């Protein structure tokens, strides 16, 4: 079992020494973080004629951008019904409308940039952990159908074997217009396009401090200093002490995944005939899919455990997978890995500017669509374009009391949420 992402087989991380520091050490825009958000923003800005430098503490894309499950949907931690009840119809429609826009942004970027990353409109099966949960699912998607025009197909427990051969769940709903992709290849495509656009990417160059100056910002790194007129921080779950304002507001948490050994097509077709992405309706989700090349099963869960041994976590997830799909027997694993996600106090993603520093963080399990969408929104705002508006802009972003970056409370919070799941 290899203790690194399955995705890196097709898209290995760049093994390189720190490059020579730019000379002159100046840029129009400095971006901290070479994940999806940073690369999309950098590509857009460079093509508009700006000089762009991206700082990366490790290898490009070493974080969650190349480690996630590759789900592309319209997901949010608050249901449409909750937003409707609390904020009214107009706000609920505007927020969920933007989630659709984020989904379309991913599809457009992949098509326009000709990125080969296994993007497929395969649909998603959302699984109910109890009969009551299935009823709440149907109510939620009835509301979305009524107010948003979203279509869905209800699935009973008796019929769910047509999608996934498990008796652990109680049916659910299928949303046919959601997608999946290969996140490693998606990130690699973005990196290639950003470099071709003229973006300078500096791996193994962490930003240690940032100081506001009259004409911009001074960025300090182990390899030198750079002055930039504008700064974007796109570090999400990897926001560190160089950006204390964000560090007090962004809560990193680990999510874990496994990949099985290659399996015969007959086995894959028997256990997941629906060929969709699958996720349950719990707060602490389990998720499962076939790999984009249809060779194996990818499974994730146990989110929020801090510092788990990846071999032990892999075995724990393997046992959970086999409880879901006992037909797999004693299936062997090829990969076990983790990626660092990020949440916020209000469970909203946040995009805005603080003391001149632009940021986009806190995607709460929607990093592929929201990271792509927010990267474009930040670039367009810095370019002064009229299509930079977003309903998420400058939403109130409260710090967490007594929190300075150590997420010790995450396992406790996840256990509290888990008490309300499967009910």
Protein backbone atom coordinates (compact mmCIF):
# COMPACT_ATOMS: atom_id res chain seq x y z
CA UNK A 1 0.00 0.00 0.00
CA UNK A 2 1.41 3.36 -1.07
CA UNK A 3 0.85 6.17 1.43
CA UNK A 4 0.22 8.92 -1.10
CA UNK A 5 -2.70 9.86 -3.36
CA UNK A 6 -3.76 7.49 -6.10
CA UNK A 7 -4.09 10.59 -8.30
CA UNK A 8 -0.32 11.06 -8.32
CA UNK A 9 0.19 7.96 -10.43
CA UNK A 10 -1.09 9.81 -13.49
CA UNK A 11 -0.05 13.27 -12.29
CA UNK A 12 3.13 12.97 -10.19
CA UNK A 13 4.16 15.99 -8.17
CA UNK A 14 7.02 18.08 -9.51
CA UNK A 15 10.31 17.02 -7.95
CA UNK A 16 12.40 20.17 -8.21
CA UNK A 17 14.78 22.36 -6.28
CA UNK A 18 13.79 25.93 -5.41
CA UNK A 19 14.25 28.04 -8.54
CA UNK A 20 16.39 31.11 -8.78
CA UNK A 21 14.55 33.99 -7.16
CA UNK A 22 13.04 36.48 -9.66
CA UNK A 23 15.22 39.38 -10.64
CA UNK A 24 14.14 42.10 -10.35
CA UNK A 25 12.21 40.89 -7.31
CA UNK A 26 9.02 42.69 -8.23
CA UNK A 27 5.61 41.68 -9.54
CA UNK A 28 2.26 43.24 -10.15
CA UNK A 29 0.56 40.46 -8.19
CA UNK A 30 1.87 37.91 -5.70
CA UNK A 31 -0.24 34.82 -5.08
CA UNK A 32 0.35 32.59 -2.07
CA UNK A 33 -0.64 29.00 -2.83
CA UNK A 34 -0.37 27.01 -6.06
CA UNK A 35 -3.64 25.12 -5.76
CA UNK A 36 -6.69 25.52 -7.96
CA UNK A 37 -7.58 29.02 -6.74
CA UNK A 38 -4.08 30.43 -7.11
CA UNK A 39 -3.46 28.96 -10.55
CA UNK A 40 -6.83 29.98 -12.00
CA UNK A 41 -6.37 33.53 -10.71
CA UNK A 42 -2.76 33.69 -11.90
CA UNK A 43 -3.60 32.41 -15.37
CA UNK A 44 -6.36 34.99 -15.83
CA UNK A 45 -4.20 37.85 -14.56
CA UNK A 46 -1.14 36.92 -16.62
CA UNK A 47 -3.19 36.75 -19.79
CA UNK A 48 -4.39 40.28 -19.03
CA UNK A 49 -0.79 41.47 -19.05
CA UNK A 50 0.01 41.42 -15.32
CA UNK A 51 3.27 40.03 -13.99
CA UNK A 52 2.35 37.25 -11.55
CA UNK A 53 4.47 35.29 -9.06
CA UNK A 54 3.00 32.29 -7.20
CA UNK A 55 4.67 31.25 -3.95
CA UNK A 56 4.34 27.59 -2.90
CA UNK A 57 5.70 26.14 0.34
CA UNK A 58 6.17 22.70 -1.22
CA UNK A 59 5.72 21.12 -4.59
CA UNK A 60 3.08 22.77 -6.82
CA UNK A 61 -0.34 21.38 -5.99
CA UNK A 62 0.94 19.34 -3.05
CA UNK A 63 -2.18 20.16 -1.03
CA UNK A 64 -5.85 19.32 -1.34
CA UNK A 65 -6.07 20.40 -4.99
CA UNK A 66 -4.43 17.12 -6.02
CA UNK A 67 -5.72 15.01 -3.12
CA UNK A 68 -9.51 15.49 -3.14
CA UNK A 69 -12.19 13.08 -4.37
CA UNK A 70 -12.70 14.83 -7.72
CA UNK A 71 -16.39 15.58 -7.14
CA UNK A 72 -17.87 18.49 -9.10
CA UNK A 73 -21.31 19.49 -7.91
CA UNK A 74 -23.42 22.21 -6.37
CA UNK A 75 -22.82 21.47 -2.72
CA UNK A 76 -23.18 23.61 0.34
CA UNK A 77 -23.33 22.84 4.06
CA UNK A 78 -26.74 24.54 4.33
CA UNK A 79 -29.65 23.12 2.38
CA UNK A 80 -31.79 25.26 0.13
CA UNK A 81 -34.63 24.76 2.63
CA UNK A 82 -32.55 26.04 5.54
CA UNK A 83 -31.54 29.16 3.61
CA UNK A 84 -35.12 29.70 2.47
CA UNK A 85 -36.40 29.57 6.03
CA UNK A 86 -33.65 31.73 7.53
CA UNK A 87 -32.91 34.26 4.78
CA UNK A 88 -35.82 34.17 2.36
CA UNK A 89 -36.31 33.01 -1.21
CA UNK A 90 -34.25 35.66 -3.00
CA UNK A 91 -31.10 34.98 -0.98
CA UNK A 92 -31.49 31.20 -1.20
CA UNK A 93 -31.92 31.40 -4.97
CA UNK A 94 -28.97 33.76 -5.42
CA UNK A 95 -26.64 31.55 -3.38
CA UNK A 96 -27.66 28.28 -5.04
CA UNK A 97 -27.60 30.04 -8.40
CA UNK A 98 -23.97 30.87 -7.80
CA UNK A 99 -23.24 27.26 -6.89
CA UNK A 100 -24.51 26.38 -10.36
CA UNK A 101 -22.28 29.10 -11.82
CA UNK A 102 -19.29 27.59 -10.01
CA UNK A 103 -20.08 24.20 -11.50
CA UNK A 104 -20.31 25.73 -14.96
CA UNK A 105 -17.02 27.56 -14.41
CA UNK A 106 -15.22 24.24 -13.96
CA UNK A 107 -16.81 22.81 -17.08
CA UNK A 108 -15.97 25.93 -19.09
CA UNK A 109 -12.34 26.04 -17.92
CA UNK A 110 -11.83 22.38 -18.81
CA UNK A 111 -13.40 22.82 -22.23
CA UNK A 112 -11.72 26.12 -23.11
CA UNK A 113 -8.29 25.07 -21.85
CA UNK A 114 -8.62 21.57 -23.36
CA UNK A 115 -7.60 19.90 -20.08
CA UNK A 116 -7.75 16.10 -20.27
CA UNK A 117 -8.81 15.18 -16.74
CA UNK A 118 -11.58 12.61 -17.09
CA UNK A 119 -14.38 15.14 -16.61
CA UNK A 120 -17.68 13.25 -16.97
CA UNK A 121 -21.31 14.19 -16.31
CA UNK A 122 -21.89 10.92 -14.52
CA UNK A 123 -24.43 12.12 -11.97
CA UNK A 124 -24.46 11.69 -8.22
CA UNK A 125 -26.42 9.40 -5.93
CA UNK A 126 -27.01 10.98 -2.51
CA UNK A 127 -27.72 8.16 -0.07
CA UNK A 128 -30.02 8.40 2.95
CA UNK A 129 -28.75 6.86 6.18
CA UNK A 130 -32.27 6.35 7.57
CA UNK A 131 -35.90 6.47 6.41
CA UNK A 132 -36.29 9.89 8.06
CA UNK A 133 -33.22 11.16 6.24
CA UNK A 134 -34.70 10.02 2.93
CA UNK A 135 -37.86 11.99 3.65
CA UNK A 136 -35.82 15.11 4.37
CA UNK A 137 -33.88 14.54 1.14
CA UNK A 138 -37.09 14.36 -0.87
CA UNK A 139 -38.43 17.54 0.75
CA UNK A 140 -35.17 19.36 0.00
CA UNK A 141 -35.06 18.35 -3.63
CA UNK A 142 -38.74 19.07 -4.10
CA UNK A 143 -37.93 22.65 -3.02
CA UNK A 144 -35.00 22.84 -5.43
CA UNK A 145 -37.15 21.52 -8.27
CA UNK A 146 -39.85 24.08 -7.49
CA UNK A 147 -37.66 27.17 -7.06
CA UNK A 148 -34.49 26.37 -9.01
CA UNK A 149 -35.75 24.07 -11.73
CA UNK A 150 -33.32 21.34 -10.65
CA UNK A 151 -34.41 17.85 -11.64
CA UNK A 152 -33.83 14.73 -9.58
CA UNK A 153 -34.87 11.11 -9.45
CA UNK A 154 -36.03 9.57 -6.15
CA UNK A 155 -34.61 6.12 -5.42
CA UNK A 156 -36.23 3.72 -2.98
CA UNK A 157 -34.29 1.30 -0.82
CA UNK A 158 -35.70 -1.52 -2.91
CA UNK A 159 -34.26 0.04 -6.07
CA UNK A 160 -30.93 1.36 -4.81
CA UNK A 161 -29.09 -1.80 -5.94
CA UNK A 162 -29.52 -0.46 -9.47
CA UNK A 163 -27.10 2.28 -8.39
CA UNK A 164 -24.95 0.70 -5.69
CA UNK A 165 -25.20 -2.80 -4.26
CA UNK A 166 -25.46 -1.93 -0.57
CA UNK A 167 -28.12 -2.49 2.06
CA UNK A 168 -26.54 0.00 4.43
CA UNK A 169 -28.63 2.92 3.14
CA UNK A 170 -32.34 3.61 2.67
CA UNK A 171 -32.52 4.91 -0.87
CA UNK A 172 -31.98 8.55 -1.75
CA UNK A 173 -31.93 10.76 -4.82
CA UNK A 174 -30.01 10.82 -8.08
CA UNK A 175 -28.97 14.18 -9.56
CA UNK A 176 -28.00 13.44 -13.14
CA UNK A 177 -26.22 16.73 -13.94
CA UNK A 178 -23.32 16.48 -11.50
CA UNK A 179 -19.84 15.44 -12.51
CA UNK A 180 -16.55 13.88 -11.53
CA UNK A 181 -12.98 14.36 -12.68
CA UNK A 182 -9.37 13.36 -11.98
CA UNK A 183 -8.12 16.10 -9.61
CA UNK A 184 -4.45 15.39 -10.20
CA UNK A 185 -4.81 15.83 -13.95
CA UNK A 186 -7.07 18.86 -13.49
CA UNK A 187 -4.44 20.56 -11.35
CA UNK A 188 -1.65 19.56 -13.74
CA UNK A 189 -3.60 21.07 -16.63
CA UNK A 190 -4.08 24.33 -14.74
CA UNK A 191 -0.38 24.45 -13.83
CA UNK A 192 0.67 23.88 -17.43
CA UNK A 193 -1.68 26.62 -18.69
CA UNK A 194 -0.57 29.08 -15.99
CA UNK A 195 3.11 28.56 -16.82
CA UNK A 196 2.38 28.94 -20.53
CA UNK A 197 0.58 32.22 -19.75
CA UNK A 198 3.74 33.58 -18.13
CA UNK A 199 3.04 32.94 -14.44
CA UNK A 200 6.19 32.41 -12.37
CA UNK A 201 5.66 29.54 -9.90
CA UNK A 202 8.19 29.27 -7.05
CA UNK A 203 8.06 25.83 -5.38
CA UNK A 204 9.61 25.27 -1.95
CA UNK A 205 9.35 28.99 -1.30
CA UNK A 206 7.10 29.61 1.71
CA UNK A 207 6.09 33.14 2.57
CA UNK A 208 7.38 33.71 6.08
CA UNK A 209 6.13 37.26 6.57
CA UNK A 210 4.31 39.99 4.71
CA UNK A 211 4.58 43.73 5.31
CA UNK A 212 2.38 46.49 3.94
CA UNK A 213 4.28 49.29 2.22
CA UNK A 214 3.25 52.54 0.58
CA UNK A 215 3.28 51.07 -2.92
CA UNK A 216 2.21 47.50 -2.15
CA UNK A 217 3.50 44.58 -0.08
CA UNK A 218 6.86 43.09 0.73
CA UNK A 219 6.88 39.27 0.82
CA UNK A 220 9.70 37.62 2.80
CA UNK A 221 10.81 34.06 1.95
CA UNK A 222 13.87 31.91 2.73
CA UNK A 223 15.23 32.74 -0.73
CA UNK A 224 14.71 36.47 -0.79
CA UNK A 225 12.12 39.23 -0.76
CA UNK A 226 9.68 40.33 -3.40
CA UNK A 227 7.59 43.47 -3.68
CA UNK A 228 4.11 43.20 -5.20
CA UNK A 229 1.42 45.77 -5.84
CA UNK A 230 -1.37 43.32 -4.94
CA UNK A 231 -1.54 40.06 -2.98
CA UNK A 232 -3.87 37.08 -3.15
CA UNK A 233 -3.77 34.50 -0.36
CA UNK A 234 -5.19 31.16 -1.55
CA UNK A 235 -3.85 28.80 1.10
CA UNK A 236 -7.16 27.40 2.43
CA UNK A 237 -6.35 24.60 4.93
CA UNK A 238 -2.65 25.45 4.82
CA UNK A 239 -2.96 29.06 6.05
CA UNK A 240 -0.14 29.59 8.52
CA UNK A 241 1.29 32.21 10.91
CA UNK A 242 2.42 34.49 8.08
CA UNK A 243 -1.27 35.42 7.74
CA UNK A 244 -2.57 35.57 11.33
CA UNK A 245 -5.86 37.24 10.39
CA UNK A 246 -6.80 34.24 8.26
CA UNK A 247 -5.28 31.73 10.63
CA UNK A 248 -7.79 32.78 13.32
CA UNK A 249 -10.71 32.24 10.92
CA UNK A 250 -9.84 29.17 8.86
CA UNK A 251 -10.02 25.74 10.52
CA UNK A 252 -7.97 23.03 8.79
CA UNK A 253 -9.16 19.45 9.01
CA UNK A 254 -7.96 16.24 7.43
CA UNK A 255 -10.01 14.04 5.14
CA UNK A 256 -8.90 10.51 4.31
CA UNK A 257 -9.20 8.34 1.22
CA UNK A 258 -8.23 4.91 -0.02
CA UNK A 259 -7.94 3.27 -3.43
CA UNK A 260 -8.40 -0.46 -3.83
CA UNK A 261 -6.22 -2.69 -5.94
CA UNK A 262 -7.35 -2.95 -9.59
CA UNK A 263 -10.60 -4.91 -9.77
CA UNK A 264 -12.23 -6.86 -12.60
CA UNK A 265 -14.86 -4.95 -14.58
CA UNK A 266 -17.40 -7.58 -13.57
CA UNK A 267 -16.86 -6.77 -9.88
CA UNK A 268 -17.11 -3.01 -10.43
CA UNK A 269 -20.27 -3.42 -12.49
CA UNK A 270 -21.80 -5.64 -9.82
CA UNK A 271 -21.20 -3.33 -6.86
CA UNK A 272 -21.59 0.07 -8.55
CA UNK A 273 -23.67 -0.39 -11.71
CA UNK A 274 -24.72 3.27 -11.60
CA UNK A 275 -21.13 4.43 -12.32
CA UNK A 276 -21.89 7.67 -10.46
CA UNK A 277 -20.22 9.55 -7.65
CA UNK A 278 -21.84 8.51 -4.36
CA UNK A 279 -22.08 10.36 -1.08
CA UNK A 280 -24.31 10.04 1.95
CA UNK A 281 -26.54 12.76 3.43
CA UNK A 282 -24.68 12.89 6.76
CA UNK A 283 -22.72 15.89 7.98
CA UNK A 284 -19.68 13.65 8.48
CA UNK A 285 -19.88 12.15 5.02
CA UNK A 286 -18.68 8.90 3.53
CA UNK A 287 -18.11 9.00 -0.22
CA UNK A 288 -17.34 6.42 -2.87
CA UNK A 289 -16.76 6.30 -6.61
CA UNK A 290 -15.16 4.30 -9.36
CA UNK A 291 -11.80 5.69 -10.47
CA UNK A 292 -12.00 7.75 -13.67
CA UNK A 293 -10.26 4.96 -15.61
CA UNK A 294 -12.77 2.38 -14.27
CA UNK A 295 -10.05 0.25 -12.71
CA UNK A 296 -10.72 0.41 -8.96
CA UNK A 297 -12.87 1.81 -6.14
CA UNK A 298 -12.03 5.04 -4.31
CA UNK A 299 -13.54 5.55 -0.86
CA UNK A 300 -13.27 8.31 1.74
CA UNK A 301 -14.45 9.17 5.24
CA UNK A 302 -13.42 9.51 8.90
CA UNK A 303 -12.96 13.23 8.37
CA UNK A 304 -11.51 15.30 11.19
CA UNK A 305 -9.19 12.74 12.78
CA UNK A 306 -5.93 14.54 13.52
CA UNK A 307 -2.56 13.00 12.71
CA UNK A 308 -3.81 9.49 11.89
CA UNK A 309 -1.34 6.81 10.87
CA UNK A 310 -2.17 6.36 7.18
CA UNK A 311 -1.69 2.59 7.25
CA UNK A 312 -4.07 2.24 10.19
CA UNK A 313 -6.54 4.71 8.71
CA UNK A 314 -6.40 2.86 5.41
CA UNK A 315 -7.36 -0.36 7.17
CA UNK A 316 -10.17 1.38 9.09
CA UNK A 317 -11.57 2.75 5.84
CA UNK A 318 -11.17 -0.61 4.13
CA UNK A 319 -13.29 -2.23 6.85
CA UNK A 320 -15.91 0.50 6.50
CA UNK A 321 -15.94 0.03 2.73
CA UNK A 322 -16.45 -3.71 3.15
CA UNK A 323 -19.37 -3.12 5.52
CA UNK A 324 -20.94 -0.99 2.81
CA UNK A 325 -20.11 -3.47 0.04
CA UNK A 326 -19.55 -6.90 1.64
CA UNK A 327 -19.33 -8.45 -1.84
CA UNK A 328 -15.77 -7.10 -2.02
CA UNK A 329 -14.61 -9.62 0.57
CA UNK A 330 -11.05 -9.07 1.75
CA UNK A 331 -10.24 -6.52 -0.95
CA UNK A 332 -6.67 -5.23 -0.90
CA UNK A 333 -5.66 -1.58 -0.96
CA UNK A 334 -3.19 0.14 -3.25
CA UNK A 335 -3.22 3.66 -1.74
CA UNK A 336 -4.10 5.43 1.50
CA UNK A 337 -3.78 9.19 1.84
CA UNK A 338 -5.06 12.37 3.41
CA UNK A 339 -5.67 15.94 2.28
CA UNK A 340 -6.17 19.08 4.31
CA UNK A 341 -9.52 20.79 3.81
CA UNK A 342 -10.74 23.92 5.58
CA UNK A 343 -13.93 25.13 7.19
CA UNK A 344 -15.05 28.37 8.76
CA UNK A 345 -17.08 29.32 11.81
CA UNK A 346 -20.25 29.92 9.78
CA UNK A 347 -19.60 27.01 7.36
CA UNK A 348 -19.58 29.40 4.39
CA UNK A 349 -16.73 29.76 1.89
CA UNK A 350 -15.25 33.25 2.10
CA UNK A 351 -13.84 35.61 -0.48
CA UNK A 352 -12.88 39.22 0.15
CA UNK A 353 -10.14 41.67 1.01
CA UNK A 354 -8.66 42.59 4.39
CA UNK A 355 -6.17 45.45 4.75
CA UNK A 356 -5.51 45.25 1.01
CA UNK A 357 -4.90 41.48 0.94
CA UNK A 358 -7.33 39.48 -1.19
CA UNK A 359 -8.28 35.99 -0.05
CA UNK A 360 -10.47 33.00 -0.92
CA UNK A 361 -10.70 30.20 1.67
CA UNK A 362 -12.95 27.83 3.59
CA UNK A 363 -14.49 25.71 0.84
CA UNK A 364 -16.07 23.11 3.17
CA UNK A 365 -15.81 20.11 0.77
CA UNK A 366 -16.53 22.11 -2.40
CA UNK A 367 -12.95 22.97 -3.30
CA UNK A 368 -12.96 22.02 -7.00
CA UNK A 369 -15.94 24.17 -8.08
CA UNK A 370 -15.57 26.97 -5.52
CA UNK A 371 -11.79 27.14 -5.83
CA UNK A 372 -12.06 27.50 -9.60
CA UNK A 373 -14.92 30.01 -9.35
CA UNK A 374 -13.29 32.16 -6.66
CA UNK A 375 -9.97 32.16 -8.49
CA UNK A 376 -11.66 33.75 -11.49
CA UNK A 377 -13.65 36.19 -9.32
CA UNK A 378 -10.51 37.45 -7.56
CA UNK A 379 -8.65 37.92 -10.83
CA UNK A 380 -11.53 39.78 -12.40
CA UNK A 381 -11.89 42.05 -9.38
CA UNK A 382 -8.21 42.98 -9.53
CA UNK A 383 -8.66 43.67 -13.24
CA UNK A 384 -11.66 45.90 -12.54
CA UNK A 385 -14.04 43.80 -14.60
CA UNK A 386 -17.79 44.06 -14.21
CA UNK A 387 -18.32 40.29 -13.90
CA UNK A 388 -16.39 40.01 -10.62
CA UNK A 389 -19.46 40.19 -8.40
CA UNK A 390 -20.33 37.28 -6.13
CA UNK A 391 -22.95 36.82 -3.43
CA UNK A 392 -20.15 35.60 -1.15
CA UNK A 393 -18.05 38.79 -1.40
CA UNK A 394 -17.02 40.32 1.94
CA UNK A 395 -19.43 38.22 3.93
CA UNK A 396 -18.91 38.81 7.66
CA UNK A 397 -15.93 36.66 8.60
CA UNK A 398 -15.67 36.26 12.35
CA UNK A 399 -12.64 34.89 14.13
CA UNK A 400 -13.09 31.86 16.37
CA UNK A 401 -12.70 32.84 20.04
CA UNK A 402 -9.40 31.74 21.60
CA UNK A 403 -8.34 30.07 18.34
CA UNK A 404 -4.84 30.66 16.96
CA UNK A 405 -4.50 27.92 14.37
CA UNK A 406 -4.46 24.69 16.44
CA UNK A 407 -7.64 22.80 15.45
CA UNK A 408 -7.69 20.61 18.56
CA UNK A 409 -11.48 20.85 18.75
CA UNK A 410 -12.20 19.41 15.29
CA UNK A 411 -12.48 15.74 16.39
CA UNK A 412 -14.86 16.76 19.18
CA UNK A 413 -16.99 18.79 16.77
CA UNK A 414 -17.11 15.93 14.26
CA UNK A 415 -18.21 13.48 16.98
CA UNK A 416 -20.96 15.90 17.98
CA UNK A 417 -22.17 16.12 14.38
CA UNK A 418 -21.94 12.34 14.01
CA UNK A 419 -24.43 11.90 16.86
CA UNK A 420 -27.05 13.48 14.62
CA UNK A 421 -26.12 11.45 11.55
CA UNK A 422 -27.66 8.06 10.80
CA UNK A 423 -30.91 9.13 12.47
